């Protein structure tokens, strides 16, 4: 299933609108990661990301999502579970949730979200 939802959305943390380039890779058990696909984030939290992309991963699959931002600084590649995919202008809007994120990277994501919020409040 490419379009649809794996389950009902439940927000586990604060999400902030933030646009930055993203790159996602499908996972192939035998070959590792597959061809890269580019996109742009729409919003982010410590537990997940929404992003736009011309090609969509299938709902229910796990892909690797690479996030990179200069300000606030972030450079992180983590596996994510594809929760939702909907058609959008120029492609698809994907909602993903981080899986198996270690404590250091979870803290890095949390600090990034707080920095975005702080920058907007200033």
N, C-alpha and C. Protein backbone atom coordinates (compact mmCIF):
# COMPACT_ATOMS: atom_id res chain seq x y z
N UNK A 1 0.85 -1.17 0.00
CA UNK A 1 0.00 0.00 0.00
C UNK A 1 0.90 1.23 0.00
N UNK A 2 0.85 2.01 -1.06
CA UNK A 2 1.65 3.25 -1.10
C UNK A 2 0.88 4.37 -0.43
N UNK A 3 -0.37 4.58 -0.78
CA UNK A 3 -1.15 5.64 -0.18
C UNK A 3 -1.95 5.10 0.98
N UNK A 4 -2.14 5.91 1.98
CA UNK A 4 -2.98 5.51 3.09
C UNK A 4 -2.31 5.74 4.42
N UNK A 5 -2.87 5.14 5.44
CA UNK A 5 -2.35 5.26 6.79
C UNK A 5 -2.19 3.88 7.40
N UNK A 6 -1.11 3.67 8.10
CA UNK A 6 -0.90 2.40 8.77
C UNK A 6 -1.75 2.32 10.03
N UNK A 7 -1.92 3.45 10.70
CA UNK A 7 -2.78 3.51 11.88
C UNK A 7 -3.12 4.97 12.15
N UNK A 8 -3.97 5.22 13.12
CA UNK A 8 -4.37 6.59 13.44
C UNK A 8 -3.19 7.35 14.02
N UNK A 9 -3.11 8.61 13.66
CA UNK A 9 -2.02 9.47 14.12
C UNK A 9 -2.19 9.80 15.60
N UNK A 10 -1.11 9.66 16.33
CA UNK A 10 -1.07 10.06 17.73
C UNK A 10 0.23 10.79 17.96
N UNK A 11 0.15 12.06 18.30
CA UNK A 11 1.35 12.86 18.52
C UNK A 11 1.96 12.51 19.86
N UNK A 12 3.24 12.16 19.84
CA UNK A 12 3.95 11.80 21.05
C UNK A 12 4.81 12.94 21.56
N UNK A 13 5.05 13.97 20.72
CA UNK A 13 5.87 15.10 21.14
C UNK A 13 5.51 16.32 20.31
N UNK A 14 6.02 17.48 20.71
CA UNK A 14 5.75 18.73 20.02
C UNK A 14 6.37 18.69 18.63
N UNK A 15 5.59 19.11 17.65
CA UNK A 15 6.03 19.14 16.26
C UNK A 15 6.10 20.59 15.82
N UNK A 16 7.17 20.95 15.10
CA UNK A 16 7.32 22.32 14.62
C UNK A 16 7.48 22.32 13.10
N UNK A 17 6.88 23.32 12.46
CA UNK A 17 7.07 23.49 11.03
C UNK A 17 8.52 23.85 10.77
N UNK A 18 9.18 23.14 9.87
CA UNK A 18 10.56 23.44 9.54
C UNK A 18 10.90 22.80 8.21
N UNK A 19 11.38 23.63 7.28
CA UNK A 19 11.74 23.12 5.96
C UNK A 19 13.25 22.98 5.85
N UNK A 20 13.69 21.78 5.46
CA UNK A 20 15.10 21.50 5.19
C UNK A 20 15.16 20.35 4.21
N UNK A 21 16.26 20.21 3.49
CA UNK A 21 16.38 19.08 2.57
C UNK A 21 16.42 17.75 3.34
N UNK A 22 15.77 16.76 2.78
CA UNK A 22 15.85 15.40 3.33
C UNK A 22 16.21 14.46 2.19
N UNK A 23 16.76 13.34 2.55
CA UNK A 23 17.03 12.28 1.58
C UNK A 23 16.61 10.98 2.25
N UNK A 24 15.84 10.16 1.54
CA UNK A 24 15.44 8.87 2.10
C UNK A 24 15.89 7.75 1.19
N UNK A 25 16.17 6.63 1.85
CA UNK A 25 16.66 5.42 1.18
C UNK A 25 15.78 4.26 1.60
N UNK A 26 15.35 3.46 0.63
CA UNK A 26 14.65 2.23 0.97
C UNK A 26 15.64 1.23 1.54
N UNK A 27 15.15 0.25 2.25
CA UNK A 27 16.01 -0.79 2.81
C UNK A 27 15.74 -2.10 2.07
N UNK A 28 16.80 -2.75 1.65
CA UNK A 28 16.72 -4.05 0.99
C UNK A 28 17.55 -5.00 1.83
N UNK A 29 16.93 -6.00 2.40
CA UNK A 29 17.62 -6.91 3.31
C UNK A 29 18.93 -7.46 2.77
N UNK A 30 18.98 -7.77 1.50
CA UNK A 30 20.19 -8.36 0.92
C UNK A 30 21.23 -7.30 0.54
N UNK A 31 20.77 -6.18 0.01
CA UNK A 31 21.69 -5.17 -0.53
C UNK A 31 21.93 -3.99 0.41
N UNK A 32 21.20 -3.91 1.50
CA UNK A 32 21.33 -2.75 2.39
C UNK A 32 20.41 -1.64 1.92
N UNK A 33 20.93 -0.41 1.81
CA UNK A 33 20.11 0.71 1.37
C UNK A 33 20.04 0.78 -0.14
N UNK A 34 18.96 1.35 -0.65
CA UNK A 34 18.74 1.43 -2.09
C UNK A 34 18.96 2.86 -2.58
N UNK A 35 18.52 3.13 -3.77
CA UNK A 35 18.68 4.42 -4.42
C UNK A 35 18.16 5.55 -3.54
N UNK A 36 18.90 6.66 -3.46
CA UNK A 36 18.43 7.80 -2.66
C UNK A 36 17.31 8.56 -3.37
N UNK A 37 16.39 9.10 -2.58
CA UNK A 37 15.29 9.94 -3.07
C UNK A 37 15.31 11.22 -2.26
N UNK A 38 15.22 12.36 -2.92
CA UNK A 38 15.27 13.65 -2.24
C UNK A 38 13.87 14.16 -1.94
N UNK A 39 13.81 15.05 -0.95
CA UNK A 39 12.57 15.68 -0.58
C UNK A 39 12.85 16.88 0.30
N UNK A 40 11.81 17.37 0.95
CA UNK A 40 11.92 18.53 1.82
C UNK A 40 11.02 18.32 3.02
N UNK A 41 11.56 18.57 4.22
CA UNK A 41 10.74 18.40 5.41
C UNK A 41 9.65 19.46 5.45
N UNK A 42 8.56 19.10 6.11
CA UNK A 42 7.44 20.00 6.34
C UNK A 42 7.39 20.36 7.82
N UNK A 43 7.48 19.34 8.65
CA UNK A 43 7.56 19.56 10.09
C UNK A 43 8.35 18.42 10.72
N UNK A 44 8.77 18.65 11.98
CA UNK A 44 9.63 17.69 12.66
C UNK A 44 9.35 17.71 14.15
N UNK A 45 9.54 16.55 14.78
CA UNK A 45 9.49 16.44 16.23
C UNK A 45 10.60 15.47 16.64
N UNK A 46 10.73 15.23 17.92
CA UNK A 46 11.72 14.27 18.40
C UNK A 46 11.33 12.84 18.06
N UNK A 47 10.08 12.63 17.62
CA UNK A 47 9.62 11.27 17.33
C UNK A 47 9.28 11.03 15.86
N UNK A 48 9.21 12.10 15.04
CA UNK A 48 8.85 11.87 13.65
C UNK A 48 9.00 13.10 12.79
N UNK A 49 8.75 12.91 11.49
CA UNK A 49 8.91 13.95 10.49
C UNK A 49 7.80 13.81 9.45
N UNK A 50 7.34 14.94 8.93
CA UNK A 50 6.52 14.93 7.71
C UNK A 50 7.39 15.55 6.63
N UNK A 51 7.38 14.95 5.44
CA UNK A 51 8.18 15.49 4.35
C UNK A 51 7.48 15.29 3.02
N UNK A 52 7.84 16.16 2.06
CA UNK A 52 7.31 16.07 0.70
C UNK A 52 8.39 15.48 -0.18
N UNK A 53 7.97 14.63 -1.13
CA UNK A 53 8.92 13.96 -2.02
C UNK A 53 8.21 13.58 -3.32
N UNK A 54 8.92 13.61 -4.44
CA UNK A 54 8.30 13.21 -5.70
C UNK A 54 7.95 11.72 -5.77
N UNK A 55 8.74 10.88 -5.06
CA UNK A 55 8.49 9.44 -5.03
C UNK A 55 8.26 9.03 -3.59
N UNK A 56 7.24 8.23 -3.35
CA UNK A 56 6.87 7.90 -1.97
C UNK A 56 7.26 6.47 -1.60
N UNK A 57 7.73 6.29 -0.38
CA UNK A 57 7.90 4.94 0.13
C UNK A 57 6.52 4.37 0.49
N UNK A 58 6.40 3.08 0.54
CA UNK A 58 5.12 2.45 0.85
C UNK A 58 4.83 2.52 2.35
N UNK A 59 3.56 2.74 2.69
CA UNK A 59 3.12 2.73 4.08
C UNK A 59 3.45 1.37 4.69
N UNK A 60 3.96 1.40 5.91
CA UNK A 60 4.29 0.16 6.62
C UNK A 60 5.72 -0.29 6.43
N UNK A 61 6.46 0.37 5.53
CA UNK A 61 7.86 -0.01 5.32
C UNK A 61 8.77 0.82 6.23
N UNK A 62 10.00 0.37 6.35
CA UNK A 62 11.03 1.12 7.07
C UNK A 62 12.04 1.61 6.05
N UNK A 63 12.36 2.91 6.13
CA UNK A 63 13.37 3.52 5.27
C UNK A 63 14.35 4.28 6.15
N UNK A 64 15.48 4.65 5.60
CA UNK A 64 16.43 5.50 6.31
C UNK A 64 16.21 6.93 5.85
N UNK A 65 16.02 7.85 6.81
CA UNK A 65 15.82 9.25 6.52
C UNK A 65 17.02 10.05 6.98
N UNK A 66 17.61 10.81 6.05
CA UNK A 66 18.77 11.66 6.38
C UNK A 66 18.30 13.10 6.44
N UNK A 67 18.50 13.73 7.59
CA UNK A 67 18.12 15.13 7.83
C UNK A 67 19.38 15.96 7.94
N UNK A 68 19.40 17.10 7.27
CA UNK A 68 20.57 17.97 7.36
C UNK A 68 20.11 19.43 7.38
N UNK A 69 20.55 20.16 8.42
CA UNK A 69 20.24 21.57 8.57
C UNK A 69 21.48 22.30 9.05
N UNK A 70 21.70 23.49 8.52
CA UNK A 70 22.83 24.30 8.99
C UNK A 70 22.46 25.08 10.24
N UNK A 71 21.27 25.70 10.26
CA UNK A 71 20.82 26.46 11.42
C UNK A 71 19.37 26.16 11.71
N UNK A 72 19.07 25.64 12.85
CA UNK A 72 19.98 25.07 13.83
C UNK A 72 20.69 23.86 13.24
N UNK A 73 21.89 23.56 13.73
CA UNK A 73 22.66 22.45 13.14
C UNK A 73 22.04 21.08 13.43
N UNK A 74 21.99 20.26 12.38
CA UNK A 74 21.52 18.88 12.51
C UNK A 74 22.05 18.10 11.32
N UNK A 75 22.61 16.95 11.57
CA UNK A 75 23.04 16.02 10.52
C UNK A 75 22.82 14.63 11.09
N UNK A 76 21.75 13.98 10.66
CA UNK A 76 21.32 12.74 11.29
C UNK A 76 20.67 11.83 10.26
N UNK A 77 21.04 10.57 10.25
CA UNK A 77 20.39 9.57 9.40
C UNK A 77 19.90 8.46 10.31
N UNK A 78 18.59 8.21 10.29
CA UNK A 78 17.97 7.22 11.18
C UNK A 78 16.89 6.44 10.44
N UNK A 79 16.65 5.19 10.86
CA UNK A 79 15.52 4.45 10.29
C UNK A 79 14.20 5.03 10.77
N UNK A 80 13.24 5.07 9.86
CA UNK A 80 11.90 5.56 10.18
C UNK A 80 10.87 4.58 9.62
N UNK A 81 9.74 4.51 10.30
CA UNK A 81 8.62 3.71 9.82
C UNK A 81 7.65 4.64 9.10
N UNK A 82 7.23 4.26 7.90
CA UNK A 82 6.31 5.08 7.12
C UNK A 82 4.90 4.83 7.63
N UNK A 83 4.31 5.88 8.21
CA UNK A 83 2.99 5.79 8.83
C UNK A 83 1.88 6.23 7.89
N UNK A 84 2.17 7.28 7.10
CA UNK A 84 1.12 7.86 6.26
C UNK A 84 1.74 8.40 4.98
N UNK A 85 1.03 8.21 3.85
CA UNK A 85 1.42 8.80 2.57
C UNK A 85 0.15 9.31 1.89
N UNK A 86 0.19 10.58 1.50
CA UNK A 86 -0.94 11.17 0.78
C UNK A 86 -0.41 11.91 -0.44
N UNK A 87 -1.23 12.01 -1.47
CA UNK A 87 -0.84 12.77 -2.65
C UNK A 87 -0.79 14.25 -2.29
N UNK A 88 0.18 14.95 -2.86
CA UNK A 88 0.32 16.39 -2.64
C UNK A 88 0.84 17.01 -3.92
N UNK A 89 0.81 18.33 -3.99
CA UNK A 89 1.30 19.03 -5.18
C UNK A 89 2.74 18.60 -5.47
N UNK A 90 2.98 18.12 -6.67
CA UNK A 90 4.33 17.73 -7.08
C UNK A 90 4.78 16.38 -6.56
N UNK A 91 3.91 15.62 -5.92
CA UNK A 91 4.32 14.30 -5.44
C UNK A 91 3.49 13.81 -4.27
N UNK A 92 4.17 13.60 -3.14
CA UNK A 92 3.54 12.98 -1.98
C UNK A 92 3.96 13.66 -0.69
N UNK A 93 3.10 13.59 0.29
CA UNK A 93 3.41 14.02 1.65
C UNK A 93 3.48 12.73 2.49
N UNK A 94 4.62 12.55 3.17
CA UNK A 94 4.85 11.32 3.94
C UNK A 94 4.99 11.66 5.41
N UNK A 95 4.36 10.88 6.25
CA UNK A 95 4.51 11.00 7.70
C UNK A 95 5.26 9.78 8.19
N UNK A 96 6.38 10.01 8.88
CA UNK A 96 7.20 8.90 9.35
C UNK A 96 7.50 9.04 10.83
N UNK A 97 7.78 7.92 11.47
CA UNK A 97 8.11 7.89 12.89
C UNK A 97 9.48 7.23 13.06
N UNK A 98 10.34 7.85 13.86
CA UNK A 98 11.66 7.28 14.11
C UNK A 98 11.53 5.95 14.84
N UNK A 99 12.39 4.99 14.48
CA UNK A 99 12.44 3.70 15.16
C UNK A 99 13.87 3.43 15.60
N UNK A 100 14.03 2.78 16.72
CA UNK A 100 15.35 2.36 17.20
C UNK A 100 16.36 3.51 17.27
N UNK A 101 15.94 4.66 17.76
CA UNK A 101 16.85 5.80 17.89
C UNK A 101 17.51 5.72 19.25
N UNK A 102 18.84 5.79 19.27
CA UNK A 102 19.54 5.72 20.55
C UNK A 102 19.30 7.01 21.34
N UNK A 103 19.61 6.98 22.62
CA UNK A 103 19.32 8.10 23.51
C UNK A 103 20.02 9.38 23.07
N UNK A 104 21.25 9.28 22.61
CA UNK A 104 22.00 10.47 22.18
C UNK A 104 21.34 11.14 20.98
N UNK A 105 20.92 10.35 20.01
CA UNK A 105 20.27 10.93 18.83
C UNK A 105 18.87 11.43 19.14
N UNK A 106 18.15 10.76 20.04
CA UNK A 106 16.83 11.25 20.46
C UNK A 106 16.99 12.61 21.14
N UNK A 107 18.03 12.75 21.98
CA UNK A 107 18.29 14.03 22.63
C UNK A 107 18.67 15.08 21.61
N UNK A 108 19.44 14.71 20.59
CA UNK A 108 19.83 15.64 19.53
C UNK A 108 18.59 16.15 18.79
N UNK A 109 17.65 15.26 18.51
CA UNK A 109 16.40 15.67 17.85
C UNK A 109 15.60 16.61 18.74
N UNK A 110 15.52 16.29 20.03
CA UNK A 110 14.81 17.15 20.97
C UNK A 110 15.43 18.53 21.05
N UNK A 111 16.77 18.60 21.12
CA UNK A 111 17.45 19.89 21.17
C UNK A 111 17.21 20.68 19.88
N UNK A 112 17.17 19.99 18.75
CA UNK A 112 16.92 20.65 17.47
C UNK A 112 15.54 21.30 17.48
N UNK A 113 14.53 20.56 17.90
CA UNK A 113 13.16 21.09 17.93
C UNK A 113 13.08 22.28 18.88
N UNK A 114 13.70 22.19 20.04
CA UNK A 114 13.71 23.30 20.99
C UNK A 114 14.41 24.52 20.39
N UNK A 115 15.52 24.31 19.67
CA UNK A 115 16.24 25.41 19.04
C UNK A 115 15.36 26.10 17.99
N UNK A 116 14.62 25.33 17.22
CA UNK A 116 13.72 25.92 16.22
C UNK A 116 12.67 26.77 16.93
N UNK A 117 12.08 26.24 17.99
CA UNK A 117 11.07 26.98 18.73
C UNK A 117 11.66 28.25 19.35
N UNK A 118 12.84 28.15 19.90
CA UNK A 118 13.51 29.30 20.52
C UNK A 118 13.81 30.38 19.48
N UNK A 119 14.30 29.97 18.30
CA UNK A 119 14.60 30.92 17.24
C UNK A 119 13.36 31.68 16.79
N UNK A 120 12.25 31.00 16.76
CA UNK A 120 11.00 31.64 16.32
C UNK A 120 10.44 32.58 17.38
N UNK A 121 10.72 32.29 18.64
CA UNK A 121 10.21 33.13 19.72
C UNK A 121 11.04 34.42 19.87
N UNK A 122 12.26 34.38 19.35
CA UNK A 122 13.17 35.55 19.51
C UNK A 122 12.78 36.70 18.62
